[in-house]
Amino acid sequence: MAEKKEYTRKPNGMAEDLGGVIGFSNTLLLCGTRGGQTLYVPNQPTPGHLLATLLGETAFRKMVEEWGGETITVPALADFGRYQRIRKGARLLAEGRSLHTVALLTGVTYNQAKNDRRAAELLGILPAVLTGDRTIKSDAQVIAQLGFEGF
């Protein structure tokens, strides 16, 4: 009977592991410049290597100690950019900008700007609006209140 190998998944993702080894700032730098790509980490640190130039000798040496001889996939951190966009949209909405303006300034469609507004509300970045009881229950009441019955 073959021995059963136990596989335990690491609780962290690659971004957390990188942060633990090379630090938060270097992780952001690496993910920002090489995110979504595979990267070979050499067995020995060599001066002038791409990673040494990008991160510095100390962080490069730490990467070699941890992943030397391995090919790693650098996380793209796509969610980070999305959260920044949501935060920017929430700030614009709080300033009184329309959803059309928010869409234009954040580079998304009008529908995506609406989705981002809802995400900001769910994340607690933007207070939910129009959540209380409405005193006007129908469009007909609004039309009557404004005096546009004849139009």
N, C-alpha and C. Protein backbone atom coordinates (compact mmCIF):
# COMPACT_ATOMS: atom_id res chain seq x y z
N MET A 1 0.83 -1.17 0.00
CA MET A 1 0.00 0.00 0.00
C MET A 1 0.88 1.25 0.00
N ALA A 2 0.57 2.20 -0.85
CA ALA A 2 1.36 3.41 -0.97
C ALA A 2 1.11 4.33 0.22
N GLU A 3 2.18 5.02 0.60
CA GLU A 3 2.04 5.97 1.70
C GLU A 3 1.19 7.14 1.27
N LYS A 4 0.31 7.53 2.16
CA LYS A 4 -0.56 8.66 1.85
C LYS A 4 0.17 9.95 2.25
N LYS A 5 0.35 10.84 1.26
CA LYS A 5 1.00 12.12 1.54
C LYS A 5 -0.06 13.12 1.95
N GLU A 6 0.23 13.82 3.02
CA GLU A 6 -0.71 14.82 3.49
C GLU A 6 -0.36 16.17 2.89
N TYR A 7 -1.34 16.82 2.32
CA TYR A 7 -1.14 18.13 1.73
C TYR A 7 -1.89 19.15 2.57
N THR A 8 -1.17 20.12 3.07
CA THR A 8 -1.81 21.19 3.82
C THR A 8 -1.60 22.49 3.06
N ARG A 9 -2.68 23.17 2.84
CA ARG A 9 -2.62 24.43 2.11
C ARG A 9 -2.16 25.53 3.04
N LYS A 10 -1.29 26.39 2.53
CA LYS A 10 -0.84 27.53 3.32
C LYS A 10 -2.01 28.49 3.51
N PRO A 11 -2.15 29.03 4.69
CA PRO A 11 -3.28 29.93 4.95
C PRO A 11 -3.17 31.27 4.21
N ASN A 12 -1.97 31.69 3.88
CA ASN A 12 -1.77 32.97 3.21
C ASN A 12 -1.71 32.80 1.71
N GLY A 13 -2.00 33.87 1.01
CA GLY A 13 -1.77 33.92 -0.42
C GLY A 13 -0.35 34.40 -0.68
N MET A 14 0.01 34.46 -1.94
CA MET A 14 1.37 34.85 -2.30
C MET A 14 1.69 36.28 -1.87
N ALA A 15 0.71 37.19 -1.97
CA ALA A 15 0.97 38.58 -1.57
C ALA A 15 1.33 38.66 -0.08
N GLU A 16 0.63 37.90 0.75
CA GLU A 16 0.93 37.89 2.18
C GLU A 16 2.31 37.30 2.44
N ASP A 17 2.64 36.22 1.71
CA ASP A 17 3.95 35.60 1.87
C ASP A 17 5.06 36.55 1.45
N LEU A 18 4.87 37.23 0.31
CA LEU A 18 5.86 38.21 -0.12
C LEU A 18 6.02 39.31 0.92
N GLY A 19 4.90 39.80 1.44
CA GLY A 19 4.95 40.85 2.45
C GLY A 19 5.71 40.42 3.69
N GLY A 20 5.55 39.17 4.08
CA GLY A 20 6.25 38.66 5.25
C GLY A 20 7.75 38.53 5.02
N VAL A 21 8.15 38.30 3.79
CA VAL A 21 9.57 38.10 3.48
C VAL A 21 10.26 39.41 3.10
N ILE A 22 9.67 40.18 2.19
CA ILE A 22 10.36 41.37 1.68
C ILE A 22 9.74 42.69 2.16
N GLY A 23 8.64 42.61 2.91
CA GLY A 23 8.03 43.83 3.44
C GLY A 23 6.89 44.33 2.55
N PHE A 24 6.05 45.16 3.15
CA PHE A 24 4.85 45.65 2.48
C PHE A 24 5.18 46.54 1.28
N SER A 25 6.05 47.51 1.47
CA SER A 25 6.38 48.44 0.38
C SER A 25 7.01 47.73 -0.81
N ASN A 26 7.92 46.81 -0.55
CA ASN A 26 8.54 46.06 -1.64
C ASN A 26 7.54 45.14 -2.33
N THR A 27 6.58 44.60 -1.57
CA THR A 27 5.54 43.77 -2.16
C THR A 27 4.68 44.59 -3.12
N LEU A 28 4.28 45.78 -2.69
CA LEU A 28 3.52 46.66 -3.58
C LEU A 28 4.32 47.02 -4.83
N LEU A 29 5.59 47.29 -4.66
CA LEU A 29 6.45 47.62 -5.80
C LEU A 29 6.56 46.45 -6.76
N LEU A 30 6.80 45.27 -6.24
CA LEU A 30 6.92 44.08 -7.09
C LEU A 30 5.61 43.76 -7.79
N CYS A 31 4.50 43.81 -7.05
CA CYS A 31 3.20 43.51 -7.64
C CYS A 31 2.80 44.59 -8.65
N GLY A 32 3.14 45.82 -8.38
CA GLY A 32 2.81 46.90 -9.29
C GLY A 32 3.59 46.85 -10.60
N THR A 33 4.82 46.38 -10.54
CA THR A 33 5.65 46.35 -11.75
C THR A 33 5.66 45.00 -12.45
N ARG A 34 5.45 43.93 -11.71
CA ARG A 34 5.52 42.58 -12.30
C ARG A 34 4.29 41.74 -12.03
N GLY A 35 3.19 42.36 -11.56
CA GLY A 35 1.99 41.62 -11.20
C GLY A 35 1.40 40.84 -12.37
N GLY A 36 0.99 39.61 -12.08
CA GLY A 36 0.40 38.75 -13.10
C GLY A 36 1.42 37.98 -13.92
N GLN A 37 2.68 38.17 -13.66
CA GLN A 37 3.74 37.50 -14.42
C GLN A 37 4.40 36.42 -13.56
N THR A 38 5.00 35.46 -14.24
CA THR A 38 5.82 34.49 -13.51
C THR A 38 7.24 35.03 -13.47
N LEU A 39 7.92 34.69 -12.39
CA LEU A 39 9.26 35.24 -12.17
C LEU A 39 10.13 34.15 -11.56
N TYR A 40 11.28 33.91 -12.18
CA TYR A 40 12.22 32.92 -11.65
C TYR A 40 13.11 33.59 -10.61
N VAL A 41 13.18 32.98 -9.44
CA VAL A 41 14.07 33.47 -8.37
C VAL A 41 15.31 32.57 -8.40
N PRO A 42 16.48 33.14 -8.65
CA PRO A 42 17.69 32.31 -8.77
C PRO A 42 18.10 31.66 -7.45
N ASN A 43 18.95 30.63 -7.56
CA ASN A 43 19.44 29.93 -6.37
C ASN A 43 20.41 30.77 -5.56
N GLN A 44 21.16 31.62 -6.23
CA GLN A 44 22.15 32.46 -5.57
C GLN A 44 21.90 33.92 -5.92
N PRO A 45 22.02 34.80 -4.95
CA PRO A 45 21.87 36.22 -5.26
C PRO A 45 23.06 36.71 -6.08
N THR A 46 22.77 37.36 -7.18
CA THR A 46 23.85 37.91 -8.02
C THR A 46 23.65 39.42 -8.14
N PRO A 47 24.75 40.17 -8.02
CA PRO A 47 24.64 41.62 -8.13
C PRO A 47 24.11 42.03 -9.51
N GLY A 48 23.29 43.04 -9.53
CA GLY A 48 22.75 43.54 -10.79
C GLY A 48 21.55 42.78 -11.32
N HIS A 49 21.08 41.76 -10.59
CA HIS A 49 19.90 41.02 -11.01
C HIS A 49 18.70 41.97 -11.00
N LEU A 50 17.72 41.69 -11.85
CA LEU A 50 16.52 42.51 -11.94
C LEU A 50 15.88 42.73 -10.58
N LEU A 51 15.76 41.68 -9.78
CA LEU A 51 15.14 41.81 -8.46
C LEU A 51 15.99 42.63 -7.50
N ALA A 52 17.31 42.51 -7.62
CA ALA A 52 18.19 43.31 -6.77
C ALA A 52 18.07 44.78 -7.12
N THR A 53 17.97 45.07 -8.40
CA THR A 53 17.82 46.45 -8.85
C THR A 53 16.48 47.02 -8.40
N LEU A 54 15.43 46.23 -8.52
CA LEU A 54 14.09 46.69 -8.19
C LEU A 54 13.86 46.82 -6.69
N LEU A 55 14.27 45.81 -5.92
CA LEU A 55 13.92 45.73 -4.51
C LEU A 55 15.05 46.10 -3.56
N GLY A 56 16.26 46.07 -4.04
CA GLY A 56 17.43 46.26 -3.17
C GLY A 56 18.03 44.91 -2.82
N GLU A 57 19.30 44.95 -2.46
CA GLU A 57 20.05 43.71 -2.19
C GLU A 57 19.47 42.91 -1.02
N THR A 58 19.08 43.58 0.05
CA THR A 58 18.58 42.87 1.24
C THR A 58 17.30 42.09 0.93
N ALA A 59 16.33 42.76 0.31
CA ALA A 59 15.07 42.08 -0.02
C ALA A 59 15.32 40.98 -1.04
N PHE A 60 16.21 41.21 -2.00
CA PHE A 60 16.53 40.19 -2.99
C PHE A 60 17.12 38.95 -2.31
N ARG A 61 18.05 39.16 -1.37
CA ARG A 61 18.64 38.03 -0.65
C ARG A 61 17.57 37.24 0.12
N LYS A 62 16.63 37.95 0.72
CA LYS A 62 15.55 37.29 1.46
C LYS A 62 14.66 36.47 0.52
N MET A 63 14.42 36.99 -0.68
CA MET A 63 13.63 36.22 -1.66
C MET A 63 14.37 34.96 -2.08
N VAL A 64 15.68 35.08 -2.27
CA VAL A 64 16.48 33.91 -2.66
C VAL A 64 16.45 32.86 -1.55
N GLU A 65 16.53 33.30 -0.29
CA GLU A 65 16.47 32.36 0.82
C GLU A 65 15.13 31.62 0.86
N GLU A 66 14.04 32.33 0.55
CA GLU A 66 12.71 31.75 0.63
C GLU A 66 12.32 30.95 -0.61
N TRP A 67 12.61 31.50 -1.81
CA TRP A 67 12.12 30.89 -3.05
C TRP A 67 13.23 30.60 -4.05
N GLY A 68 14.46 30.53 -3.62
CA GLY A 68 15.58 30.29 -4.53
C GLY A 68 15.38 29.03 -5.37
N GLY A 69 15.55 29.16 -6.69
CA GLY A 69 15.39 28.04 -7.60
C GLY A 69 13.95 27.77 -8.02
N GLU A 70 13.02 28.60 -7.56
CA GLU A 70 11.60 28.40 -7.89
C GLU A 70 11.11 29.51 -8.82
N THR A 71 10.07 29.17 -9.55
CA THR A 71 9.37 30.16 -10.35
C THR A 71 8.09 30.51 -9.60
N ILE A 72 7.93 31.80 -9.31
CA ILE A 72 6.75 32.24 -8.57
C ILE A 72 5.85 33.06 -9.50
N THR A 73 4.58 33.10 -9.17
CA THR A 73 3.64 33.97 -9.88
C THR A 73 3.40 35.17 -9.00
N VAL A 74 3.74 36.33 -9.52
CA VAL A 74 3.58 37.57 -8.76
C VAL A 74 2.11 37.99 -8.83
N PRO A 75 1.47 38.20 -7.69
CA PRO A 75 0.06 38.58 -7.70
C PRO A 75 -0.16 39.93 -8.39
N ALA A 76 -1.28 40.05 -9.09
CA ALA A 76 -1.58 41.29 -9.80
C ALA A 76 -2.27 42.31 -8.89
N LEU A 77 -2.86 41.86 -7.81
CA LEU A 77 -3.57 42.73 -6.87
C LEU A 77 -4.65 43.56 -7.56
N ALA A 78 -5.44 42.90 -8.41
CA ALA A 78 -6.49 43.59 -9.16
C ALA A 78 -7.53 44.20 -8.22
N ASP A 79 -7.82 43.54 -7.11
CA ASP A 79 -8.81 44.06 -6.17
C ASP A 79 -8.37 45.39 -5.58
N PHE A 80 -7.06 45.59 -5.43
CA PHE A 80 -6.55 46.84 -4.87
C PHE A 80 -6.97 48.03 -5.73
N GLY A 81 -6.80 47.91 -7.03
CA GLY A 81 -7.20 48.98 -7.95
C GLY A 81 -8.71 49.20 -7.94
N ARG A 82 -9.45 48.11 -7.85
CA ARG A 82 -10.91 48.22 -7.81
C ARG A 82 -11.36 48.95 -6.55
N TYR A 83 -10.76 48.62 -5.40
CA TYR A 83 -11.12 49.31 -4.16
C TYR A 83 -10.74 50.79 -4.20
N GLN A 84 -9.62 51.10 -4.85
CA GLN A 84 -9.25 52.51 -5.01
C GLN A 84 -10.29 53.25 -5.85
N ARG A 85 -10.75 52.59 -6.91
CA ARG A 85 -11.77 53.21 -7.77
C ARG A 85 -13.07 53.42 -7.00
N ILE A 86 -13.46 52.44 -6.21
CA ILE A 86 -14.68 52.55 -5.40
C ILE A 86 -14.55 53.71 -4.42
N ARG A 87 -13.39 53.82 -3.79
CA ARG A 87 -13.16 54.91 -2.83
C ARG A 87 -13.20 56.26 -3.53
N LYS A 88 -12.59 56.36 -4.71
CA LYS A 88 -12.61 57.62 -5.46
C LYS A 88 -14.03 57.99 -5.84
N GLY A 89 -14.81 57.02 -6.33
CA GLY A 89 -16.20 57.28 -6.69
C GLY A 89 -17.02 57.72 -5.49
N ALA A 90 -16.79 57.09 -4.34
CA ALA A 90 -17.53 57.47 -3.13
C ALA A 90 -17.19 58.90 -2.73
N ARG A 91 -15.93 59.27 -2.85
CA ARG A 91 -15.54 60.64 -2.51
C ARG A 91 -16.21 61.64 -3.44
N LEU A 92 -16.25 61.32 -4.74
CA LEU A 92 -16.90 62.20 -5.71
C LEU A 92 -18.40 62.31 -5.44
N LEU A 93 -19.03 61.20 -5.11
CA LEU A 93 -20.46 61.24 -4.79
C LEU A 93 -20.72 62.06 -3.54
N ALA A 94 -19.86 61.93 -2.55
CA ALA A 94 -20.01 62.69 -1.31
C ALA A 94 -19.84 64.19 -1.58
N GLU A 95 -19.08 64.53 -2.61
CA GLU A 95 -18.90 65.94 -2.99
C GLU A 95 -20.09 66.46 -3.80
N GLY A 96 -21.03 65.55 -4.12
CA GLY A 96 -22.22 65.96 -4.85
C GLY A 96 -22.17 65.73 -6.34
N ARG A 97 -21.17 64.99 -6.83
CA ARG A 97 -21.07 64.72 -8.26
C ARG A 97 -22.12 63.68 -8.67
N SER A 98 -22.54 63.74 -9.91
CA SER A 98 -23.53 62.79 -10.43
C SER A 98 -22.85 61.46 -10.76
N LEU A 99 -23.65 60.42 -10.91
CA LEU A 99 -23.10 59.12 -11.30
C LEU A 99 -22.46 59.19 -12.69
N HIS A 100 -23.02 60.00 -13.59
CA HIS A 100 -22.42 60.15 -14.92
C HIS A 100 -21.02 60.76 -14.80
N THR A 101 -20.86 61.74 -13.94
CA THR A 101 -19.55 62.36 -13.73
C THR A 101 -18.59 61.38 -13.09
N VAL A 102 -19.08 60.64 -12.10
CA VAL A 102 -18.25 59.63 -11.43
C VAL A 102 -17.76 58.60 -12.46
N ALA A 103 -18.66 58.15 -13.33
CA ALA A 103 -18.29 57.17 -14.36
C ALA A 103 -17.19 57.74 -15.25
N LEU A 104 -17.35 58.98 -15.67
CA LEU A 104 -16.37 59.61 -16.55
C LEU A 104 -15.01 59.76 -15.86
N LEU A 105 -15.02 60.21 -14.62
CA LEU A 105 -13.77 60.47 -13.90
C LEU A 105 -13.07 59.21 -13.41
N THR A 106 -13.81 58.12 -13.28
CA THR A 106 -13.18 56.87 -12.83
C THR A 106 -12.95 55.88 -13.98
N GLY A 107 -13.40 56.26 -15.18
CA GLY A 107 -13.11 55.43 -16.36
C GLY A 107 -13.95 54.17 -16.46
N VAL A 108 -15.18 54.21 -15.95
CA VAL A 108 -16.06 53.05 -16.04
C VAL A 108 -17.38 53.47 -16.66
N THR A 109 -18.24 52.50 -16.93
CA THR A 109 -19.56 52.81 -17.47
C THR A 109 -20.47 53.33 -16.35
N TYR A 110 -21.58 53.90 -16.74
CA TYR A 110 -22.57 54.39 -15.79
C TYR A 110 -23.05 53.26 -14.88
N ASN A 111 -23.34 52.10 -15.48
CA ASN A 111 -23.80 50.96 -14.67
C ASN A 111 -22.75 50.50 -13.68
N GLN A 112 -21.48 50.51 -14.10
CA GLN A 112 -20.41 50.12 -13.17
C GLN A 112 -20.28 51.14 -12.05
N ALA A 113 -20.48 52.42 -12.36
CA ALA A 113 -20.44 53.46 -11.32
C ALA A 113 -21.56 53.22 -10.30
N LYS A 114 -22.74 52.78 -10.76
CA LYS A 114 -23.82 52.44 -9.83
C LYS A 114 -23.43 51.25 -8.97
N ASN A 115 -22.82 50.25 -9.59
CA ASN A 115 -22.37 49.07 -8.82
C ASN A 115 -21.31 49.47 -7.79
N ASP A 116 -20.41 50.38 -8.19
CA ASP A 116 -19.37 50.83 -7.26
C ASP A 116 -19.98 51.61 -6.10
N ARG A 117 -21.02 52.41 -6.38
CA ARG A 117 -21.70 53.15 -5.31
C ARG A 117 -22.28 52.15 -4.30
N ARG A 118 -22.91 51.11 -4.79
CA ARG A 118 -23.49 50.09 -3.90
C ARG A 118 -22.40 49.38 -3.11
N ALA A 119 -21.28 49.09 -3.77
CA ALA A 119 -20.16 48.45 -3.07
C ALA A 119 -19.63 49.36 -1.97
N ALA A 120 -19.55 50.67 -2.26
CA ALA A 120 -19.07 51.62 -1.25
C ALA A 120 -20.02 51.67 -0.06
N GLU A 121 -21.32 51.56 -0.33
CA GLU A 121 -22.29 51.53 0.75
C GLU A 121 -22.12 50.28 1.60
N LEU A 122 -21.94 49.13 0.93
CA LEU A 122 -21.78 47.86 1.65
C LEU A 122 -20.48 47.81 2.44
N LEU A 123 -19.44 48.47 1.92
CA LEU A 123 -18.15 48.50 2.61
C LEU A 123 -18.11 49.53 3.73
N GLY A 124 -19.15 50.37 3.80
CA GLY A 124 -19.20 51.40 4.84
C GLY A 124 -18.41 52.65 4.49
N ILE A 125 -17.99 52.78 3.24
CA ILE A 125 -17.24 53.96 2.81
C ILE A 125 -18.20 55.12 2.56
N LEU A 126 -19.38 54.81 2.11
CA LEU A 126 -20.39 55.80 1.76
C LEU A 126 -21.67 55.43 2.50
N PRO A 127 -22.32 56.38 3.17
CA PRO A 127 -23.57 56.02 3.85
C PRO A 127 -24.65 55.67 2.83
N ALA A 128 -25.45 54.68 3.17
CA ALA A 128 -26.56 54.29 2.30
C ALA A 128 -27.57 55.43 2.30
N VAL A 129 -28.06 55.78 1.12
CA VAL A 129 -29.01 56.88 1.03
C VAL A 129 -30.38 56.36 0.66
N LEU A 130 -31.41 57.13 1.00
CA LEU A 130 -32.79 56.79 0.72
C LEU A 130 -33.18 55.43 1.29
N THR A 131 -32.71 55.15 2.50
CA THR A 131 -33.03 53.86 3.10
C THR A 131 -34.22 53.94 4.06
N GLY A 132 -34.62 55.16 4.46
CA GLY A 132 -35.74 55.30 5.37
C GLY A 132 -37.06 55.20 4.64
N ASP A 133 -38.16 55.31 5.40
CA ASP A 133 -39.49 55.30 4.79
C ASP A 133 -39.66 56.53 3.91
N ARG A 134 -40.16 56.30 2.74
CA ARG A 134 -40.42 57.41 1.83
C ARG A 134 -41.81 57.96 2.13
N THR A 135 -41.92 59.29 2.17
CA THR A 135 -43.22 59.90 2.40
C THR A 135 -44.02 59.94 1.11
N ILE A 136 -43.34 59.99 -0.02
CA ILE A 136 -44.01 59.98 -1.32
C ILE A 136 -43.86 58.56 -1.86
N LYS A 137 -44.98 57.91 -2.11
CA LYS A 137 -44.96 56.50 -2.46
C LYS A 137 -44.99 56.23 -3.96
N SER A 138 -45.33 57.24 -4.78
CA SER A 138 -45.46 56.95 -6.21
C SER A 138 -45.05 58.15 -7.05
N ASP A 139 -44.80 57.89 -8.32
CA ASP A 139 -44.50 58.97 -9.26
C ASP A 139 -45.69 59.91 -9.40
N ALA A 140 -46.89 59.37 -9.31
CA ALA A 140 -48.09 60.21 -9.43
C ALA A 140 -48.14 61.25 -8.32
N GLN A 141 -47.70 60.88 -7.12
CA GLN A 141 -47.67 61.84 -6.02
C GLN A 141 -46.64 62.94 -6.28
N VAL A 142 -45.51 62.58 -6.85
CA VAL A 142 -44.49 63.57 -7.18
C VAL A 142 -45.02 64.53 -8.23
N ILE A 143 -45.66 64.01 -9.26
CA ILE A 143 -46.22 64.84 -10.33
C ILE A 143 -47.27 65.79 -9.76
N ALA A 144 -48.13 65.29 -8.89
CA ALA A 144 -49.16 66.14 -8.28
C ALA A 144 -48.52 67.20 -7.39
N GLN A 145 -47.51 66.81 -6.62
CA GLN A 145 -46.84 67.74 -5.70
C GLN A 145 -46.17 68.87 -6.47
N LEU A 146 -45.60 68.58 -7.62
CA LEU A 146 -44.92 69.59 -8.41
C LEU A 146 -45.87 70.37 -9.31
N GLY A 147 -47.12 69.93 -9.42
CA GLY A 147 -48.11 70.64 -10.22
C GLY A 147 -47.98 70.37 -11.70
N PHE A 148 -47.54 69.19 -12.08
CA PHE A 148 -47.37 68.85 -13.50
C PHE A 148 -48.46 67.89 -14.00
N GLU A 149 -49.63 67.92 -13.41
CA GLU A 149 -50.68 66.99 -13.81
C GLU A 149 -51.07 67.12 -15.26
N GLY A 150 -51.02 68.31 -15.81
CA GLY A 150 -51.47 68.54 -17.18
C GLY A 150 -50.47 68.19 -18.27
N PHE A 151 -49.27 67.85 -17.92
CA PHE A 151 -48.25 67.60 -18.95
C PHE A 151 -48.30 66.20 -19.48
